[in-house]
Amino acid sequence: MTLLVFDVGNTNIVVGVYEGKELTAHWRISTDRDRMPDEYGMMVLNLLEHGGKDPKSIDAICVASVVPPLTSWFDEMCQRYFGVAPLIVSAGVRTGVRIRVDNPREVGADRIANVAAGYRRYGGPACVVDIGTATTFDAISAEGDLLGVSIAPGPRLAAEALFLRTARLPRIDLVAPAKAIGTNTTESMQSGLVFGYVGLVEGLVARFKKELGANMRVIGTGGLVGVICDQTTVFDVLDPWLTLDGLRIIWELNQ
């Protein structure tokens, strides 16, 4: 069985192909709300063919989207280009995750996928730290329930805000400088963004451990986790494709 999965985020769309339980190919493309279903369809077909995957071999598709305008676009694209009605992670879909928050419908599909995979792969209690457009902390109980989430801007979003909302601060690469005390504008911004986010992650993880217990495992994922993980020992495990694996798990639960 060949499963195609899409994690549609605000900045990037992560595409994966599973042969059984093995992730055999993956790609990351930019999110563009103005692209039409045909444009996404041709892009995905090209990725598959370039990766040596026959588009005709796709048996099933699972989609998690936090961009509502694109959810229906991907539904249409999957049916038109693959002849497959995708499983879209939403209310009513079996996920294996009990959501213990005030309004479960507010929880993003990517959060649910992270919890589904995080608990099955690493157990609980745990905290999934997903560093992307937003930096999110998903609290997982010992029983695998989603107890709540903490949300902060992601480092790239913060860097872009500094560039757009100030007169003299430039766009910078998100890399760690040699020292915390910057002696030029670029190093100063890199220090504040990279080391500042290290402090944010370490501080929130410490607070989560006070509430979930000292044995809480910390799982790092997301497109920007590599920027932070090299500067801290707070992560017990790094799993960059955790969300994709959660989509595979959710698809299996609905068969």
Protein backbone atom coordinates (compact mmCIF):
# COMPACT_ATOMS: atom_id res chain seq x y z
CA MET A 1 0.00 0.00 0.00
CA THR A 2 1.34 3.43 -0.99
CA LEU A 3 0.09 6.39 1.04
CA LEU A 4 0.62 10.03 0.08
CA VAL A 5 0.46 12.52 2.98
CA PHE A 6 0.30 16.31 3.04
CA ASP A 7 0.99 18.56 6.03
CA VAL A 8 -0.32 21.92 4.78
CA GLY A 9 1.16 24.67 6.96
CA ASN A 10 1.15 28.45 6.80
CA THR A 11 4.68 28.70 5.41
CA ASN A 12 5.47 25.25 4.00
CA ILE A 13 3.67 22.17 2.75
CA VAL A 14 5.44 18.94 3.64
CA VAL A 15 4.76 16.02 1.32
CA GLY A 16 5.55 12.40 2.15
CA VAL A 17 5.19 8.97 0.58
CA TYR A 18 4.78 5.88 2.74
CA GLU A 19 5.32 2.35 1.49
CA GLY A 20 3.62 0.48 4.29
CA LYS A 21 5.01 2.05 7.46
CA GLU A 22 8.23 3.33 5.88
CA LEU A 23 8.64 6.93 4.77
CA THR A 24 10.37 6.47 1.42
CA ALA A 25 10.27 10.04 0.08
CA HIS A 26 9.56 13.51 1.36
CA TRP A 27 9.64 17.08 0.10
CA ARG A 28 9.00 20.57 1.43
CA ILE A 29 7.42 23.25 -0.79
CA SER A 30 6.31 26.80 -0.06
CA THR A 31 2.68 27.49 0.77
CA ASP A 32 0.97 29.80 -1.70
CA ARG A 33 -2.71 30.56 -1.12
CA ASP A 34 -3.00 31.89 -4.68
CA ARG A 35 -2.01 28.61 -6.36
CA MET A 36 -4.89 26.74 -7.94
CA PRO A 37 -5.55 22.99 -7.53
CA ASP A 38 -4.12 22.33 -11.00
CA GLU A 39 -0.89 24.09 -10.08
CA TYR A 40 -0.51 22.05 -6.90
CA GLY A 41 -1.41 18.91 -8.82
CA MET A 42 1.28 19.42 -11.44
CA MET A 43 3.82 20.32 -8.76
CA VAL A 44 3.13 17.15 -6.78
CA LEU A 45 3.21 14.99 -9.93
CA ASN A 46 6.63 16.44 -10.79
CA LEU A 47 7.94 15.78 -7.29
CA LEU A 48 6.78 12.17 -7.39
CA GLU A 49 8.22 11.53 -10.83
CA HIS A 50 11.53 13.21 -9.93
CA GLY A 51 11.67 11.04 -6.81
CA GLY A 52 11.12 7.85 -8.79
CA LYS A 53 7.56 7.37 -7.55
CA ASP A 54 4.82 6.37 -9.98
CA PRO A 55 1.80 8.65 -9.36
CA LYS A 56 -0.44 5.78 -10.47
CA SER A 57 0.82 3.72 -7.51
CA ILE A 58 -0.79 6.06 -4.94
CA ASP A 59 -3.52 4.05 -3.18
CA ALA A 60 -4.56 6.53 -0.48
CA ILE A 61 -4.01 10.12 0.66
CA CYS A 62 -4.21 11.80 4.07
CA VAL A 63 -4.19 15.59 4.52
CA ALA A 64 -3.72 17.82 7.56
CA SER A 65 -4.27 21.50 6.82
CA VAL A 66 -4.15 24.58 9.03
CA VAL A 67 -4.88 26.82 6.03
CA PRO A 68 -8.66 26.59 5.49
CA PRO A 69 -8.69 28.03 1.95
CA LEU A 70 -6.27 25.31 0.83
CA THR A 71 -8.12 22.40 2.45
CA SER A 72 -10.74 22.24 -0.27
CA TRP A 73 -8.07 22.95 -2.91
CA PHE A 74 -6.15 19.82 -1.86
CA ASP A 75 -9.34 17.76 -1.72
CA GLU A 76 -10.08 18.76 -5.31
CA MET A 77 -6.48 18.25 -6.43
CA CYS A 78 -6.26 14.75 -4.97
CA GLN A 79 -9.46 13.59 -6.63
CA ARG A 80 -8.59 15.17 -9.99
CA TYR A 81 -4.96 14.08 -10.27
CA PHE A 82 -4.91 10.82 -8.31
CA GLY A 83 -8.51 9.66 -8.43
CA VAL A 84 -8.44 9.35 -4.65
CA ALA A 85 -10.75 11.02 -2.12
CA PRO A 86 -8.31 12.05 0.64
CA LEU A 87 -8.84 11.54 4.34
CA ILE A 88 -8.77 15.07 5.74
CA VAL A 89 -7.98 15.24 9.45
CA SER A 90 -10.88 17.07 11.06
CA ALA A 91 -13.63 16.65 13.64
CA GLY A 92 -15.23 13.24 13.25
CA VAL A 93 -12.08 11.51 12.02
CA ARG A 94 -10.67 8.80 14.28
CA THR A 95 -7.30 9.95 15.59
CA GLY A 96 -6.73 7.87 18.70
CA VAL A 97 -6.18 11.13 20.61
CA ARG A 98 -8.48 12.35 23.37
CA ILE A 99 -8.39 16.14 23.31
CA ARG A 100 -8.72 17.57 26.85
CA VAL A 101 -8.99 21.26 26.00
CA ASP A 102 -11.87 23.71 26.35
CA ASN A 103 -12.76 23.65 22.65
CA PRO A 104 -11.34 20.63 20.78
CA ARG A 105 -12.32 22.14 17.43
CA GLU A 106 -9.71 24.86 17.94
CA VAL A 107 -6.86 22.33 17.89
CA GLY A 108 -5.02 22.25 14.56
CA ALA A 109 -4.83 19.02 12.60
CA ASP A 110 -1.03 19.12 12.75
CA ARG A 111 -1.17 19.23 16.54
CA ILE A 112 -3.34 16.11 16.60
CA ALA A 113 -1.00 14.31 14.20
CA ASN A 114 2.00 15.22 16.38
CA VAL A 115 0.33 13.82 19.49
CA ALA A 116 -0.79 10.65 17.70
CA ALA A 117 2.75 9.92 16.52
CA GLY A 118 4.55 11.27 19.59
CA TYR A 119 2.67 9.05 22.01
CA ARG A 120 2.85 5.90 19.89
CA ARG A 121 6.55 6.32 19.17
CA TYR A 122 7.82 7.63 22.51
CA GLY A 123 5.08 7.20 25.14
CA GLY A 124 3.92 9.70 27.71
CA PRO A 125 4.02 12.00 29.50
CA ALA A 126 5.68 13.99 26.75
CA CYS A 127 5.94 17.41 25.18
CA VAL A 128 6.19 17.84 21.42
CA VAL A 129 8.02 21.05 20.54
CA ASP A 130 7.23 21.92 16.92
CA ILE A 131 9.30 24.85 15.63
CA GLY A 132 7.94 26.27 12.40
CA THR A 133 5.86 29.33 11.51
CA ALA A 134 4.66 29.08 15.10
CA THR A 135 6.52 27.44 17.97
CA THR A 136 4.07 25.07 19.64
CA PHE A 137 4.34 22.89 22.73
CA ASP A 138 1.88 19.97 22.87
CA ALA A 139 1.39 18.46 26.33
CA ILE A 140 0.75 14.69 26.18
CA SER A 141 -0.42 12.81 29.27
CA ALA A 142 0.81 9.39 30.37
CA GLU A 143 -2.35 7.99 28.73
CA GLY A 144 -1.76 9.74 25.40
CA ASP A 145 -4.29 12.57 25.84
CA LEU A 146 -3.64 16.06 24.50
CA LEU A 147 -3.88 18.16 27.66
CA GLY A 148 -3.15 21.54 26.13
CA VAL A 149 -0.84 23.59 23.98
CA SER A 150 1.43 26.61 24.34
CA ILE A 151 1.89 28.75 21.22
CA ALA A 152 4.52 31.40 20.43
CA PRO A 153 5.67 32.96 17.15
CA GLY A 154 8.30 30.97 15.31
CA PRO A 155 11.82 32.40 15.00
CA ARG A 156 11.50 33.14 11.27
CA LEU A 157 8.19 34.92 11.83
CA ALA A 158 9.82 37.01 14.55
CA ALA A 159 12.78 37.79 12.30
CA GLU A 160 10.44 38.89 9.51
CA ALA A 161 8.51 41.11 11.91
CA LEU A 162 11.74 42.85 12.93
CA PHE A 163 12.59 43.48 9.29
CA LEU A 164 9.13 44.70 8.30
CA ARG A 165 8.29 46.79 11.34
CA THR A 166 11.59 48.57 11.92
CA ALA A 167 13.40 51.12 9.78
CA ARG A 168 16.97 49.84 9.97
CA LEU A 169 16.97 46.14 10.83
CA PRO A 170 17.76 43.85 7.87
CA ARG A 171 16.63 40.37 6.90
CA ILE A 172 19.09 37.86 8.35
CA ASP A 173 19.93 34.18 8.15
CA LEU A 174 18.74 32.23 11.19
CA VAL A 175 22.06 30.84 12.35
CA ALA A 176 23.67 30.99 15.76
CA PRO A 177 26.37 33.67 16.14
CA ALA A 178 29.69 32.90 17.79
CA LYS A 179 28.70 34.70 21.01
CA ALA A 180 25.64 36.10 22.70
CA ILE A 181 26.91 39.67 22.84
CA GLY A 182 26.62 40.86 19.26
CA THR A 183 29.00 43.54 17.99
CA ASN A 184 27.10 44.29 14.77
CA THR A 185 23.46 44.39 13.77
CA THR A 186 23.34 40.96 12.13
CA GLU A 187 25.03 39.17 15.03
CA SER A 188 22.87 41.06 17.53
CA MET A 189 19.67 39.93 15.79
CA GLN A 190 20.93 36.37 15.44
CA SER A 191 21.74 36.31 19.14
CA GLY A 192 18.33 37.58 20.14
CA LEU A 193 16.45 35.27 17.80
CA VAL A 194 18.42 32.02 18.12
CA PHE A 195 19.58 32.23 21.74
CA GLY A 196 16.35 33.96 22.71
CA TYR A 197 14.32 31.09 21.33
CA VAL A 198 16.59 28.60 23.06
CA GLY A 199 15.67 30.35 26.31
CA LEU A 200 11.99 30.31 25.37
CA VAL A 201 12.06 26.57 24.64
CA GLU A 202 14.03 25.71 27.77
CA GLY A 203 11.82 27.90 29.95
CA LEU A 204 8.51 26.49 28.70
CA VAL A 205 9.78 22.91 28.84
CA ALA A 206 10.75 23.47 32.48
CA ARG A 207 7.25 24.76 33.24
CA PHE A 208 5.66 21.81 31.44
CA LYS A 209 7.77 19.41 33.50
CA LYS A 210 6.48 21.01 36.69
CA GLU A 211 2.94 20.23 35.53
CA LEU A 212 3.45 16.87 33.80
CA GLY A 213 6.31 15.46 35.89
CA ALA A 214 10.08 15.32 35.68
CA ASN A 215 9.92 12.13 33.58
CA MET A 216 8.30 14.03 30.68
CA ARG A 217 10.05 13.30 27.37
CA VAL A 218 10.77 16.23 25.07
CA ILE A 219 10.32 15.58 21.35
CA GLY A 220 11.59 18.12 18.84
CA THR A 221 10.16 18.47 15.34
CA GLY A 222 9.35 21.10 12.70
CA GLY A 223 11.21 22.79 9.89
CA LEU A 224 13.27 25.06 12.16
CA VAL A 225 14.04 22.66 15.00
CA GLY A 226 17.60 22.29 13.70
CA VAL A 227 18.27 25.98 14.36
CA ILE A 228 17.52 25.51 18.06
CA CYS A 229 18.53 21.93 18.84
CA ASP A 230 22.25 22.52 18.29
CA GLN A 231 22.23 25.12 21.08
CA THR A 232 20.49 23.14 23.85
CA THR A 233 20.30 19.73 25.47
CA VAL A 234 16.60 20.07 26.31
CA PHE A 235 15.42 17.60 23.63
CA ASP A 236 15.35 13.89 24.38
CA VAL A 237 14.68 13.00 20.75
CA LEU A 238 14.50 14.79 17.39
CA ASP A 239 11.95 13.51 14.90
CA PRO A 240 11.69 15.90 11.91
CA TRP A 241 8.98 13.83 10.18
CA LEU A 242 6.79 13.28 13.25
CA THR A 243 3.74 15.02 11.76
CA LEU A 244 3.88 12.92 8.61
CA ASP A 245 4.02 9.74 10.67
CA GLY A 246 1.02 10.96 12.64
CA LEU A 247 -0.91 11.28 9.40
CA ARG A 248 0.01 7.71 8.50
CA ILE A 249 -1.20 6.52 11.92
CA ILE A 250 -4.47 8.44 11.62
CA TRP A 251 -5.09 7.06 8.14
CA GLU A 252 -4.57 3.51 9.43
CA LEU A 253 -7.01 4.10 12.29
CA ASN A 254 -9.73 5.03 9.82
CA GLN A 255 -9.50 1.88 7.70
